[in-house]
Each structure stands twice: as C-alpha cells, then as structure tokens.
Amino acid sequence: RLQSVGTPLSQFADFFRAREDSGFLLPKHVVPRLIQAAQSVISG
C-alpha cells in the first residue's frame, strides 16, 4: 500500500484540478491547513 499510494493520490489530484477548471475552489484560509496536515504525514 505504501508503494502504490501514488495511484489514489493522483486520481484525487485529477478530480481536484477538474473542480478548479469548473470554478469550484476552496476557501483560502483552509489550504494552509491542508498543506500542514499533508506535510505532517511525511515528517519525521
């Protein structure tokens, strides 16, 4: 699962960008928290 995690994350990113292209965006104050949370998963 560690080795193959790129597939679901890439699929998620594709959907995320598709939302962007259709004008659906997240509030700006939320995004830094997403970045921080994702960074914590790979820290240490």
ModelCIF file with pLDDT and N, C-alpha, C, O atoms, coordinates in Angstrom:
data_MODEL
#
_entry.id   MODEL 
#
_entity.id                         1 
_entity.type                       polymer 
_entity.pdbx_number_of_molecules   1 
#
_entity_poly.entity_id                      1 
_entity_poly.type                           'polypeptide(L)' 
_entity_poly.nstd_linkage                   no 
_entity_poly.nstd_monomer                   no 
_entity_poly.pdbx_seq_one_letter_code       RLQSVGTPLSQFADFFRAREDSGFLLPKHVVPRLIQAAQSVISG 
_entity_poly.pdbx_seq_one_letter_code_can   RLQSVGTPLSQFADFFRAREDSGFLLPKHVVPRLIQAAQSVISG 
_entity_poly.pdbx_strand_id                 A 
#
loop_
_entity_poly_seq.entity_id 
_entity_poly_seq.num 
_entity_poly_seq.mon_id 
_entity_poly_seq.hetero 
1 1  ARG n 
1 2  LEU n 
1 3  GLN n 
1 4  SER n 
1 5  VAL n 
1 6  GLY n 
1 7  THR n 
1 8  PRO n 
1 9  LEU n 
1 10 SER n 
1 11 GLN n 
1 12 PHE n 
1 13 ALA n 
1 14 ASP n 
1 15 PHE n 
1 16 PHE n 
1 17 ARG n 
1 18 ALA n 
1 19 ARG n 
1 20 GLU n 
1 21 ASP n 
1 22 SER n 
1 23 GLY n 
1 24 PHE n 
1 25 LEU n 
1 26 LEU n 
1 27 PRO n 
1 28 LYS n 
1 29 HIS n 
1 30 VAL n 
1 31 VAL n 
1 32 PRO n 
1 33 ARG n 
1 34 LEU n 
1 35 ILE n 
1 36 GLN n 
1 37 ALA n 
1 38 ALA n 
1 39 GLN n 
1 40 SER n 
1 41 VAL n 
1 42 ILE n 
1 43 SER n 
1 44 GLY n 
#
_struct_asym.id          A 
_struct_asym.entity_id   1 
#
loop_
_ma_qa_metric.id 
_ma_qa_metric.mode 
_ma_qa_metric.name 
_ma_qa_metric.software_group_id 
_ma_qa_metric.type 
1 global pLDDT . pLDDT 
2 local  pLDDT . pLDDT 
#
_ma_qa_metric_global.metric_id      1 
_ma_qa_metric_global.metric_value   93.80 
_ma_qa_metric_global.model_id       1 
_ma_qa_metric_global.ordinal_id     1 
#
loop_
_ma_qa_metric_local.label_asym_id 
_ma_qa_metric_local.label_comp_id 
_ma_qa_metric_local.label_seq_id 
_ma_qa_metric_local.metric_id 
_ma_qa_metric_local.metric_value 
_ma_qa_metric_local.model_id 
_ma_qa_metric_local.ordinal_id 
A ARG 1  2 98.00 1 1  
A LEU 2  2 98.00 1 2  
A GLN 3  2 98.00 1 3  
A SER 4  2 98.00 1 4  
A VAL 5  2 98.00 1 5  
A GLY 6  2 97.00 1 6  
A THR 7  2 98.00 1 7  
A PRO 8  2 98.00 1 8  
A LEU 9  2 98.00 1 9  
A SER 10 2 97.00 1 10 
A GLN 11 2 97.00 1 11 
A PHE 12 2 96.00 1 12 
A ALA 13 2 96.00 1 13 
A ASP 14 2 95.00 1 14 
A PHE 15 2 95.00 1 15 
A PHE 16 2 93.00 1 16 
A ARG 17 2 93.00 1 17 
A ALA 18 2 93.00 1 18 
A ARG 19 2 92.00 1 19 
A GLU 20 2 91.00 1 20 
A ASP 21 2 91.00 1 21 
A SER 22 2 90.00 1 22 
A GLY 23 2 87.00 1 23 
A PHE 24 2 90.00 1 24 
A LEU 25 2 88.00 1 25 
A LEU 26 2 88.00 1 26 
A PRO 27 2 86.00 1 27 
A LYS 28 2 85.00 1 28 
A HIS 29 2 87.00 1 29 
A VAL 30 2 90.00 1 30 
A VAL 31 2 92.00 1 31 
A PRO 32 2 93.00 1 32 
A ARG 33 2 94.00 1 33 
A LEU 34 2 95.00 1 34 
A ILE 35 2 95.00 1 35 
A GLN 36 2 95.00 1 36 
A ALA 37 2 96.00 1 37 
A ALA 38 2 96.00 1 38 
A GLN 39 2 96.00 1 39 
A SER 40 2 95.00 1 40 
A VAL 41 2 96.00 1 41 
A ILE 42 2 96.00 1 42 
A SER 43 2 95.00 1 43 
A GLY 44 2 92.00 1 44 
#
loop_
_atom_site.group_PDB 
_atom_site.id 
_atom_site.type_symbol 
_atom_site.label_atom_id 
_atom_site.label_alt_id 
_atom_site.label_comp_id 
_atom_site.label_asym_id 
_atom_site.label_entity_id 
_atom_site.label_seq_id 
_atom_site.pdbx_PDB_ins_code 
_atom_site.Cartn_x 
_atom_site.Cartn_y 
_atom_site.Cartn_z 
_atom_site.occupancy 
_atom_site.B_iso_or_equiv 
_atom_site.pdbx_formal_charge 
_atom_site.auth_seq_id 
_atom_site.auth_comp_id 
_atom_site.auth_asym_id 
_atom_site.auth_atom_id 
_atom_site.pdbx_PDB_model_num 
ATOM 1   N N  . ARG A 1 1  ? 0.830   -1.209 0.000   1.00 98.00 ? 1  ARG A N  1 
ATOM 2   C CA . ARG A 1 1  ? 0.000   0.000  0.000   1.00 98.00 ? 1  ARG A CA 1 
ATOM 3   C C  . ARG A 1 1  ? 0.864   1.257  0.000   1.00 98.00 ? 1  ARG A C  1 
ATOM 4   O O  . ARG A 1 1  ? 0.518   2.244  -0.649  1.00 98.00 ? 1  ARG A O  1 
ATOM 5   N N  . LEU A 1 2  ? 1.969   1.232  0.712   1.00 98.00 ? 2  LEU A N  1 
ATOM 6   C CA . LEU A 1 2  ? 2.880   2.378  0.684   1.00 98.00 ? 2  LEU A CA 1 
ATOM 7   C C  . LEU A 1 2  ? 3.425   2.589  -0.730  1.00 98.00 ? 2  LEU A C  1 
ATOM 8   O O  . LEU A 1 2  ? 3.541   3.719  -1.204  1.00 98.00 ? 2  LEU A O  1 
ATOM 9   N N  . GLN A 1 3  ? 3.752   1.492  -1.384  1.00 98.00 ? 3  GLN A N  1 
ATOM 10  C CA . GLN A 1 3  ? 4.336   1.577  -2.721  1.00 98.00 ? 3  GLN A CA 1 
ATOM 11  C C  . GLN A 1 3  ? 3.341   2.092  -3.766  1.00 98.00 ? 3  GLN A C  1 
ATOM 12  O O  . GLN A 1 3  ? 3.734   2.756  -4.725  1.00 98.00 ? 3  GLN A O  1 
ATOM 13  N N  . SER A 1 4  ? 2.057   1.787  -3.580  1.00 98.00 ? 4  SER A N  1 
ATOM 14  C CA . SER A 1 4  ? 1.056   2.107  -4.606  1.00 98.00 ? 4  SER A CA 1 
ATOM 15  C C  . SER A 1 4  ? 0.209   3.321  -4.274  1.00 98.00 ? 4  SER A C  1 
ATOM 16  O O  . SER A 1 4  ? -0.769  3.594  -4.971  1.00 98.00 ? 4  SER A O  1 
ATOM 17  N N  . VAL A 1 5  ? 0.561   4.069  -3.211  1.00 98.00 ? 5  VAL A N  1 
ATOM 18  C CA . VAL A 1 5  ? -0.281  5.177  -2.774  1.00 98.00 ? 5  VAL A CA 1 
ATOM 19  C C  . VAL A 1 5  ? -0.344  6.295  -3.811  1.00 98.00 ? 5  VAL A C  1 
ATOM 20  O O  . VAL A 1 5  ? -1.254  7.123  -3.775  1.00 98.00 ? 5  VAL A O  1 
ATOM 21  N N  . GLY A 1 6  ? 0.609   6.323  -4.727  1.00 97.00 ? 6  GLY A N  1 
ATOM 22  C CA . GLY A 1 6  ? 0.602   7.352  -5.755  1.00 97.00 ? 6  GLY A CA 1 
ATOM 23  C C  . GLY A 1 6  ? -0.628  7.310  -6.642  1.00 97.00 ? 6  GLY A C  1 
ATOM 24  O O  . GLY A 1 6  ? -1.072  8.345  -7.139  1.00 97.00 ? 6  GLY A O  1 
ATOM 25  N N  . THR A 1 7  ? -1.189  6.112  -6.846  1.00 98.00 ? 7  THR A N  1 
ATOM 26  C CA . THR A 1 7  ? -2.364  5.994  -7.727  1.00 98.00 ? 7  THR A CA 1 
ATOM 27  C C  . THR A 1 7  ? -3.582  6.705  -7.160  1.00 98.00 ? 7  THR A C  1 
ATOM 28  O O  . THR A 1 7  ? -4.137  7.563  -7.846  1.00 98.00 ? 7  THR A O  1 
ATOM 29  N N  . PRO A 1 8  ? -4.033  6.395  -5.938  1.00 98.00 ? 8  PRO A N  1 
ATOM 30  C CA . PRO A 1 8  ? -5.209  7.126  -5.435  1.00 98.00 ? 8  PRO A CA 1 
ATOM 31  C C  . PRO A 1 8  ? -4.946  8.617  -5.249  1.00 98.00 ? 8  PRO A C  1 
ATOM 32  O O  . PRO A 1 8  ? -5.852  9.424  -5.453  1.00 98.00 ? 8  PRO A O  1 
ATOM 33  N N  . LEU A 1 9  ? -3.713  9.008  -4.862  1.00 98.00 ? 9  LEU A N  1 
ATOM 34  C CA . LEU A 1 9  ? -3.431  10.430 -4.699  1.00 98.00 ? 9  LEU A CA 1 
ATOM 35  C C  . LEU A 1 9  ? -3.449  11.152 -6.045  1.00 98.00 ? 9  LEU A C  1 
ATOM 36  O O  . LEU A 1 9  ? -3.888  12.299 -6.126  1.00 98.00 ? 9  LEU A O  1 
ATOM 37  N N  . SER A 1 10 ? -2.978  10.495 -7.090  1.00 97.00 ? 10 SER A N  1 
ATOM 38  C CA . SER A 1 10 ? -3.028  11.100 -8.425  1.00 97.00 ? 10 SER A CA 1 
ATOM 39  C C  . SER A 1 10 ? -4.466  11.215 -8.909  1.00 97.00 ? 10 SER A C  1 
ATOM 40  O O  . SER A 1 10 ? -4.838  12.221 -9.512  1.00 97.00 ? 10 SER A O  1 
ATOM 41  N N  . GLN A 1 11 ? -5.278  10.195 -8.651  1.00 97.00 ? 11 GLN A N  1 
ATOM 42  C CA . GLN A 1 11 ? -6.687  10.244 -9.032  1.00 97.00 ? 11 GLN A CA 1 
ATOM 43  C C  . GLN A 1 11 ? -7.404  11.364 -8.284  1.00 97.00 ? 11 GLN A C  1 
ATOM 44  O O  . GLN A 1 11 ? -8.248  12.062 -8.846  1.00 97.00 ? 11 GLN A O  1 
ATOM 45  N N  . PHE A 1 12 ? -7.057  11.524 -7.016  1.00 96.00 ? 12 PHE A N  1 
ATOM 46  C CA . PHE A 1 12 ? -7.631  12.609 -6.233  1.00 96.00 ? 12 PHE A CA 1 
ATOM 47  C C  . PHE A 1 12 ? -7.215  13.964 -6.795  1.00 96.00 ? 12 PHE A C  1 
ATOM 48  O O  . PHE A 1 12 ? -8.037  14.873 -6.906  1.00 96.00 ? 12 PHE A O  1 
ATOM 49  N N  . ALA A 1 13 ? -5.930  14.100 -7.152  1.00 96.00 ? 13 ALA A N  1 
ATOM 50  C CA . ALA A 1 13 ? -5.429  15.362 -7.712  1.00 96.00 ? 13 ALA A CA 1 
ATOM 51  C C  . ALA A 1 13 ? -6.125  15.677 -9.035  1.00 96.00 ? 13 ALA A C  1 
ATOM 52  O O  . ALA A 1 13 ? -6.436  16.836 -9.308  1.00 96.00 ? 13 ALA A O  1 
ATOM 53  N N  . ASP A 1 14 ? -6.370  14.664 -9.852  1.00 95.00 ? 14 ASP A N  1 
ATOM 54  C CA . ASP A 1 14 ? -7.067  14.881 -11.127 1.00 95.00 ? 14 ASP A CA 1 
ATOM 55  C C  . ASP A 1 14 ? -8.461  15.439 -10.885 1.00 95.00 ? 14 ASP A C  1 
ATOM 56  O O  . ASP A 1 14 ? -8.887  16.368 -11.571 1.00 95.00 ? 14 ASP A O  1 
ATOM 57  N N  . PHE A 1 15 ? -9.177  14.875 -9.909  1.00 95.00 ? 15 PHE A N  1 
ATOM 58  C CA . PHE A 1 15 ? -10.510 15.356 -9.588  1.00 95.00 ? 15 PHE A CA 1 
ATOM 59  C C  . PHE A 1 15 ? -10.440 16.765 -9.011  1.00 95.00 ? 15 PHE A C  1 
ATOM 60  O O  . PHE A 1 15 ? -11.287 17.608 -9.306  1.00 95.00 ? 15 PHE A O  1 
ATOM 61  N N  . PHE A 1 16 ? -9.436  17.013 -8.196  1.00 93.00 ? 16 PHE A N  1 
ATOM 62  C CA . PHE A 1 16 ? -9.249  18.335 -7.585  1.00 93.00 ? 16 PHE A CA 1 
ATOM 63  C C  . PHE A 1 16 ? -9.053  19.402 -8.663  1.00 93.00 ? 16 PHE A C  1 
ATOM 64  O O  . PHE A 1 16 ? -9.637  20.484 -8.595  1.00 93.00 ? 16 PHE A O  1 
ATOM 65  N N  . ARG A 1 17 ? -8.226  19.081 -9.655  1.00 93.00 ? 17 ARG A N  1 
ATOM 66  C CA . ARG A 1 17 ? -7.991  20.037 -10.750 1.00 93.00 ? 17 ARG A CA 1 
ATOM 67  C C  . ARG A 1 17 ? -9.237  20.200 -11.621 1.00 93.00 ? 17 ARG A C  1 
ATOM 68  O O  . ARG A 1 17 ? -9.511  21.294 -12.114 1.00 93.00 ? 17 ARG A O  1 
ATOM 69  N N  . ALA A 1 18 ? -9.991  19.117 -11.808 1.00 93.00 ? 18 ALA A N  1 
ATOM 70  C CA . ALA A 1 18 ? -11.226 19.207 -12.590 1.00 93.00 ? 18 ALA A CA 1 
ATOM 71  C C  . ALA A 1 18 ? -12.210 20.161 -11.916 1.00 93.00 ? 18 ALA A C  1 
ATOM 72  O O  . ALA A 1 18 ? -12.920 20.900 -12.598 1.00 93.00 ? 18 ALA A O  1 
ATOM 73  N N  . ARG A 1 19 ? -12.256 20.152 -10.599 1.00 92.00 ? 19 ARG A N  1 
ATOM 74  C CA . ARG A 1 19 ? -13.099 21.104 -9.868  1.00 92.00 ? 19 ARG A CA 1 
ATOM 75  C C  . ARG A 1 19 ? -12.614 22.528 -10.120 1.00 92.00 ? 19 ARG A C  1 
ATOM 76  O O  . ARG A 1 19 ? -13.414 23.432 -10.357 1.00 92.00 ? 19 ARG A O  1 
ATOM 77  N N  . GLU A 1 20 ? -11.316 22.715 -10.067 1.00 91.00 ? 20 GLU A N  1 
ATOM 78  C CA . GLU A 1 20 ? -10.750 24.040 -10.334 1.00 91.00 ? 20 GLU A CA 1 
ATOM 79  C C  . GLU A 1 20 ? -11.177 24.547 -11.701 1.00 91.00 ? 20 GLU A C  1 
ATOM 80  O O  . GLU A 1 20 ? -11.612 25.690 -11.847 1.00 91.00 ? 20 GLU A O  1 
ATOM 81  N N  . ASP A 1 21 ? -11.048 23.680 -12.701 1.00 91.00 ? 21 ASP A N  1 
ATOM 82  C CA . ASP A 1 21 ? -11.370 24.075 -14.070 1.00 91.00 ? 21 ASP A CA 1 
ATOM 83  C C  . ASP A 1 21 ? -12.844 24.459 -14.214 1.00 91.00 ? 21 ASP A C  1 
ATOM 84  O O  . ASP A 1 21 ? -13.209 25.238 -15.095 1.00 91.00 ? 21 ASP A O  1 
ATOM 85  N N  . SER A 1 22 ? -13.681 23.907 -13.342 1.00 90.00 ? 22 SER A N  1 
ATOM 86  C CA . SER A 1 22 ? -15.114 24.209 -13.393 1.00 90.00 ? 22 SER A CA 1 
ATOM 87  C C  . SER A 1 22 ? -15.491 25.352 -12.460 1.00 90.00 ? 22 SER A C  1 
ATOM 88  O O  . SER A 1 22 ? -16.670 25.675 -12.319 1.00 90.00 ? 22 SER A O  1 
ATOM 89  N N  . GLY A 1 23 ? -14.492 25.968 -11.819 1.00 87.00 ? 23 GLY A N  1 
ATOM 90  C CA . GLY A 1 23 ? -14.745 27.129 -10.970 1.00 87.00 ? 23 GLY A CA 1 
ATOM 91  C C  . GLY A 1 23 ? -15.051 26.818 -9.523  1.00 87.00 ? 23 GLY A C  1 
ATOM 92  O O  . GLY A 1 23 ? -15.573 27.671 -8.805  1.00 87.00 ? 23 GLY A O  1 
ATOM 93  N N  . PHE A 1 24 ? -14.734 25.607 -9.078  1.00 90.00 ? 24 PHE A N  1 
ATOM 94  C CA . PHE A 1 24 ? -15.008 25.225 -7.695  1.00 90.00 ? 24 PHE A CA 1 
ATOM 95  C C  . PHE A 1 24 ? -13.703 25.249 -6.908  1.00 90.00 ? 24 PHE A C  1 
ATOM 96  O O  . PHE A 1 24 ? -12.827 24.409 -7.114  1.00 90.00 ? 24 PHE A O  1 
ATOM 97  N N  . LEU A 1 25 ? -13.581 26.219 -6.005  1.00 88.00 ? 25 LEU A N  1 
ATOM 98  C CA . LEU A 1 25 ? -12.338 26.436 -5.277  1.00 88.00 ? 25 LEU A CA 1 
ATOM 99  C C  . LEU A 1 25 ? -12.583 26.340 -3.782  1.00 88.00 ? 25 LEU A C  1 
ATOM 100 O O  . LEU A 1 25 ? -13.708 26.508 -3.311  1.00 88.00 ? 25 LEU A O  1 
ATOM 101 N N  . LEU A 1 26 ? -11.505 26.064 -3.034  1.00 88.00 ? 26 LEU A N  1 
ATOM 102 C CA . LEU A 1 26 ? -11.576 26.015 -1.582  1.00 88.00 ? 26 LEU A CA 1 
ATOM 103 C C  . LEU A 1 26 ? -11.345 27.411 -0.999  1.00 88.00 ? 26 LEU A C  1 
ATOM 104 O O  . LEU A 1 26 ? -10.686 28.233 -1.635  1.00 88.00 ? 26 LEU A O  1 
ATOM 105 N N  . PRO A 1 27 ? -11.863 27.695 0.180   1.00 86.00 ? 27 PRO A N  1 
ATOM 106 C CA . PRO A 1 27 ? -11.537 28.956 0.850   1.00 86.00 ? 27 PRO A CA 1 
ATOM 107 C C  . PRO A 1 27 ? -10.031 29.045 1.102   1.00 86.00 ? 27 PRO A C  1 
ATOM 108 O O  . PRO A 1 27 ? -9.395  28.051 1.451   1.00 86.00 ? 27 PRO A O  1 
ATOM 109 N N  . LYS A 1 28 ? -9.476  30.217 0.927   1.00 85.00 ? 28 LYS A N  1 
ATOM 110 C CA . LYS A 1 28 ? -8.026  30.382 1.043   1.00 85.00 ? 28 LYS A CA 1 
ATOM 111 C C  . LYS A 1 28 ? -7.497  30.026 2.429   1.00 85.00 ? 28 LYS A C  1 
ATOM 112 O O  . LYS A 1 28 ? -6.380  29.525 2.558   1.00 85.00 ? 28 LYS A O  1 
ATOM 113 N N  . HIS A 1 29 ? -8.292  30.282 3.463   1.00 87.00 ? 29 HIS A N  1 
ATOM 114 C CA . HIS A 1 29 ? -7.791  30.035 4.816   1.00 87.00 ? 29 HIS A CA 1 
ATOM 115 C C  . HIS A 1 29 ? -7.693  28.546 5.132   1.00 87.00 ? 29 HIS A C  1 
ATOM 116 O O  . HIS A 1 29 ? -7.029  28.162 6.094   1.00 87.00 ? 29 HIS A O  1 
ATOM 117 N N  . VAL A 1 30 ? -8.348  27.702 4.333   1.00 90.00 ? 30 VAL A N  1 
ATOM 118 C CA . VAL A 1 30 ? -8.324  26.255 4.580   1.00 90.00 ? 30 VAL A CA 1 
ATOM 119 C C  . VAL A 1 30 ? -7.062  25.616 4.013   1.00 90.00 ? 30 VAL A C  1 
ATOM 120 O O  . VAL A 1 30 ? -6.528  24.677 4.603   1.00 90.00 ? 30 VAL A O  1 
ATOM 121 N N  . VAL A 1 31 ? -6.580  26.112 2.879   1.00 92.00 ? 31 VAL A N  1 
ATOM 122 C CA . VAL A 1 31 ? -5.499  25.447 2.145   1.00 92.00 ? 31 VAL A CA 1 
ATOM 123 C C  . VAL A 1 31 ? -4.218  25.303 2.968   1.00 92.00 ? 31 VAL A C  1 
ATOM 124 O O  . VAL A 1 31 ? -3.622  24.226 2.937   1.00 92.00 ? 31 VAL A O  1 
ATOM 125 N N  . PRO A 1 32 ? -3.758  26.316 3.700   1.00 93.00 ? 32 PRO A N  1 
ATOM 126 C CA . PRO A 1 32 ? -2.540  26.119 4.502   1.00 93.00 ? 32 PRO A CA 1 
ATOM 127 C C  . PRO A 1 32 ? -2.651  24.965 5.489   1.00 93.00 ? 32 PRO A C  1 
ATOM 128 O O  . PRO A 1 32 ? -1.660  24.294 5.777   1.00 93.00 ? 32 PRO A O  1 
ATOM 129 N N  . ARG A 1 33 ? -3.847  24.735 6.003   1.00 94.00 ? 33 ARG A N  1 
ATOM 130 C CA . ARG A 1 33 ? -4.044  23.618 6.931   1.00 94.00 ? 33 ARG A CA 1 
ATOM 131 C C  . ARG A 1 33 ? -3.933  22.281 6.210   1.00 94.00 ? 33 ARG A C  1 
ATOM 132 O O  . ARG A 1 33 ? -3.455  21.303 6.787   1.00 94.00 ? 33 ARG A O  1 
ATOM 133 N N  . LEU A 1 34 ? -4.367  22.230 4.961   1.00 95.00 ? 34 LEU A N  1 
ATOM 134 C CA . LEU A 1 34 ? -4.213  21.012 4.164   1.00 95.00 ? 34 LEU A CA 1 
ATOM 135 C C  . LEU A 1 34 ? -2.740  20.712 3.947   1.00 95.00 ? 34 LEU A C  1 
ATOM 136 O O  . LEU A 1 34 ? -2.295  19.571 4.071   1.00 95.00 ? 34 LEU A O  1 
ATOM 137 N N  . ILE A 1 35 ? -1.996  21.758 3.621   1.00 95.00 ? 35 ILE A N  1 
ATOM 138 C CA . ILE A 1 35 ? -0.552  21.603 3.374   1.00 95.00 ? 35 ILE A CA 1 
ATOM 139 C C  . ILE A 1 35 ? 0.142   21.128 4.637   1.00 95.00 ? 35 ILE A C  1 
ATOM 140 O O  . ILE A 1 35 ? 0.967   20.215 4.595   1.00 95.00 ? 35 ILE A O  1 
ATOM 141 N N  . GLN A 1 36 ? -0.191  21.741 5.749   1.00 95.00 ? 36 GLN A N  1 
ATOM 142 C CA . GLN A 1 36 ? 0.434   21.377 7.015   1.00 95.00 ? 36 GLN A CA 1 
ATOM 143 C C  . GLN A 1 36 ? 0.123   19.926 7.384   1.00 95.00 ? 36 GLN A C  1 
ATOM 144 O O  . GLN A 1 36 ? 1.004   19.190 7.830   1.00 95.00 ? 36 GLN A O  1 
ATOM 145 N N  . ALA A 1 37 ? -1.134  19.521 7.195   1.00 96.00 ? 37 ALA A N  1 
ATOM 146 C CA . ALA A 1 37 ? -1.532  18.151 7.527   1.00 96.00 ? 37 ALA A CA 1 
ATOM 147 C C  . ALA A 1 37 ? -0.813  17.140 6.651   1.00 96.00 ? 37 ALA A C  1 
ATOM 148 O O  . ALA A 1 37 ? -0.354  16.111 7.145   1.00 96.00 ? 37 ALA A O  1 
ATOM 149 N N  . ALA A 1 38 ? -0.706  17.420 5.346   1.00 96.00 ? 38 ALA A N  1 
ATOM 150 C CA . ALA A 1 38 ? -0.025  16.506 4.431   1.00 96.00 ? 38 ALA A CA 1 
ATOM 151 C C  . ALA A 1 38 ? 1.464   16.423 4.769   1.00 96.00 ? 38 ALA A C  1 
ATOM 152 O O  . ALA A 1 38 ? 2.065   15.351 4.699   1.00 96.00 ? 38 ALA A O  1 
ATOM 153 N N  . GLN A 1 39 ? 2.052   17.560 5.134   1.00 96.00 ? 39 GLN A N  1 
ATOM 154 C CA . GLN A 1 39 ? 3.473   17.562 5.498   1.00 96.00 ? 39 GLN A CA 1 
ATOM 155 C C  . GLN A 1 39 ? 3.718   16.756 6.768   1.00 96.00 ? 39 GLN A C  1 
ATOM 156 O O  . GLN A 1 39 ? 4.758   16.109 6.899   1.00 96.00 ? 39 GLN A O  1 
ATOM 157 N N  . SER A 1 40 ? 2.780   16.787 7.698   1.00 95.00 ? 40 SER A N  1 
ATOM 158 C CA . SER A 1 40 ? 2.963   16.037 8.947   1.00 95.00 ? 40 SER A CA 1 
ATOM 159 C C  . SER A 1 40 ? 2.989   14.535 8.715   1.00 95.00 ? 40 SER A C  1 
ATOM 160 O O  . SER A 1 40 ? 3.617   13.794 9.470   1.00 95.00 ? 40 SER A O  1 
ATOM 161 N N  . VAL A 1 41 ? 2.300   14.085 7.660   1.00 96.00 ? 41 VAL A N  1 
ATOM 162 C CA . VAL A 1 41 ? 2.257   12.650 7.362   1.00 96.00 ? 41 VAL A CA 1 
ATOM 163 C C  . VAL A 1 41 ? 3.627   12.133 6.934   1.00 96.00 ? 41 VAL A C  1 
ATOM 164 O O  . VAL A 1 41 ? 3.967   10.979 7.196   1.00 96.00 ? 41 VAL A O  1 
ATOM 165 N N  . ILE A 1 42 ? 4.420   12.990 6.272   1.00 96.00 ? 42 ILE A N  1 
ATOM 166 C CA . ILE A 1 42 ? 5.725   12.539 5.765   1.00 96.00 ? 42 ILE A CA 1 
ATOM 167 C C  . ILE A 1 42 ? 6.878   13.122 6.569   1.00 96.00 ? 42 ILE A C  1 
ATOM 168 O O  . ILE A 1 42 ? 8.036   12.971 6.178   1.00 96.00 ? 42 ILE A O  1 
ATOM 169 N N  . SER A 1 43 ? 6.588   13.783 7.679   1.00 95.00 ? 43 SER A N  1 
ATOM 170 C CA . SER A 1 43 ? 7.663   14.336 8.504   1.00 95.00 ? 43 SER A CA 1 
ATOM 171 C C  . SER A 1 43 ? 8.232   13.264 9.425   1.00 95.00 ? 43 SER A C  1 
ATOM 172 O O  . SER A 1 43 ? 7.670   12.176 9.551   1.00 95.00 ? 43 SER A O  1 
ATOM 173 N N  . GLY A 1 44 ? 9.347   13.582 10.062  1.00 92.00 ? 44 GLY A N  1 
ATOM 174 C CA . GLY A 1 44 ? 9.991   12.627 10.957  1.00 92.00 ? 44 GLY A CA 1 
ATOM 175 C C  . GLY A 1 44 ? 10.990  11.748 10.236  1.00 92.00 ? 44 GLY A C  1 
ATOM 176 O O  . GLY A 1 44 ? 11.617  10.889 10.856  1.00 92.00 ? 44 GLY A O  1 
#
